[in-house]
Protein backbone atom coordinates (compact mmCIF):
# COMPACT_ATOMS: atom_id res chain seq x y z
CA MET A 1 -60.29 16.95 -80.22
CA GLU A 2 -61.38 20.07 -82.06
CA ILE A 3 -59.35 21.06 -85.11
CA LYS A 4 -59.57 24.45 -86.85
CA ILE A 5 -58.02 24.82 -90.29
CA GLY A 6 -57.46 28.21 -91.87
CA ILE A 7 -57.05 28.38 -95.63
CA GLN A 8 -55.14 31.14 -97.40
CA ASN A 9 -57.32 33.87 -98.92
CA ILE A 10 -60.50 32.36 -97.40
CA ALA A 11 -62.20 34.16 -94.50
CA ARG A 12 -64.02 31.12 -93.15
CA GLU A 13 -62.19 28.35 -91.32
CA ILE A 14 -62.91 24.61 -91.33
CA VAL A 15 -63.80 23.19 -87.91
CA LEU A 16 -64.02 19.47 -87.19
CA ASP A 17 -63.81 17.06 -84.27
CA SER A 18 -61.45 14.12 -84.63
CA GLU A 19 -60.55 11.08 -82.57
CA GLN A 20 -56.92 11.21 -83.79
CA SER A 21 -54.24 12.28 -81.34
CA ALA A 22 -52.59 15.70 -81.49
CA GLU A 23 -49.24 14.10 -82.40
CA ASP A 24 -50.78 12.20 -85.35
CA ILE A 25 -52.48 15.33 -86.68
CA ALA A 26 -49.34 17.44 -86.25
CA ALA A 27 -47.34 14.84 -88.20
CA LEU A 28 -49.90 14.84 -91.04
CA VAL A 29 -49.87 18.65 -91.19
CA SER A 30 -46.05 18.78 -91.21
CA GLU A 31 -45.91 16.23 -94.02
CA ALA A 32 -48.51 18.12 -96.09
CA LEU A 33 -46.59 21.38 -95.67
CA ALA A 34 -43.19 19.85 -96.41
CA LYS A 35 -44.28 17.95 -99.51
CA GLY A 36 -47.01 20.33 -100.71
CA SER A 37 -49.39 17.35 -100.72
CA GLU A 38 -52.97 17.27 -99.53
CA LEU A 39 -53.96 17.13 -95.88
CA ARG A 40 -56.53 14.38 -95.19
CA LEU A 41 -58.29 14.30 -91.83
CA LYS A 42 -61.13 12.08 -90.67
CA ASP A 43 -63.75 13.41 -88.26
CA GLU A 44 -65.66 11.56 -85.53
CA LYS A 45 -68.53 10.73 -87.91
CA GLY A 46 -66.23 9.15 -90.50
CA ARG A 47 -66.25 12.06 -92.96
CA ILE A 48 -62.96 12.93 -94.63
CA VAL A 49 -61.78 16.52 -95.06
CA ILE A 50 -59.17 17.13 -97.76
CA VAL A 51 -57.25 20.41 -97.96
CA PRO A 52 -54.41 21.16 -100.41
CA GLY A 53 -51.17 21.47 -98.42
CA ASN A 54 -50.02 24.56 -100.32
CA ALA A 55 -53.27 26.38 -99.35
CA LEU A 56 -52.96 25.87 -95.58
CA GLY A 57 -52.87 29.10 -93.59
CA TYR A 58 -52.88 27.57 -90.11
CA VAL A 59 -54.03 24.52 -88.17
CA GLU A 60 -55.16 24.94 -84.57
CA LEU A 61 -55.42 21.85 -82.39
CA GLY A 62 -57.68 21.96 -79.35
CA ALA A 63 -56.93 20.16 -76.12
CA GLU A 64 -57.71 16.47 -76.03
CA GLU A 65 -60.72 16.05 -73.79
CA ALA A 66 -61.79 12.94 -71.91
CA ARG A 67 -65.43 12.03 -72.33
CA ARG A 68 -67.67 13.28 -69.56
CA VAL A 69 -69.87 10.85 -67.71
CA GLY A 70 -72.97 11.64 -65.69
CA PHE A 71 -74.88 14.79 -65.05
CA GLY A 72 -73.03 17.83 -63.86
CA ALA A 73 -73.40 21.54 -63.66
CA LEU A 74 -71.52 23.50 -66.28
């Protein structure tokens, strides 16, 4: 799933792919916003992205996509 994170007063957004479900990510974002704590997300390659909760502008969750198998025309 693709995740886009906008940070207040920063023009560039953070984009990462994660194996976590949309519900799990939404719960982490809600907790970070409510408590003002940091948002920690892990991407598909095992890297961890940490964003201060009080600096979050928006979080956009892409659709969960099943892995494609085989060769197909796009």
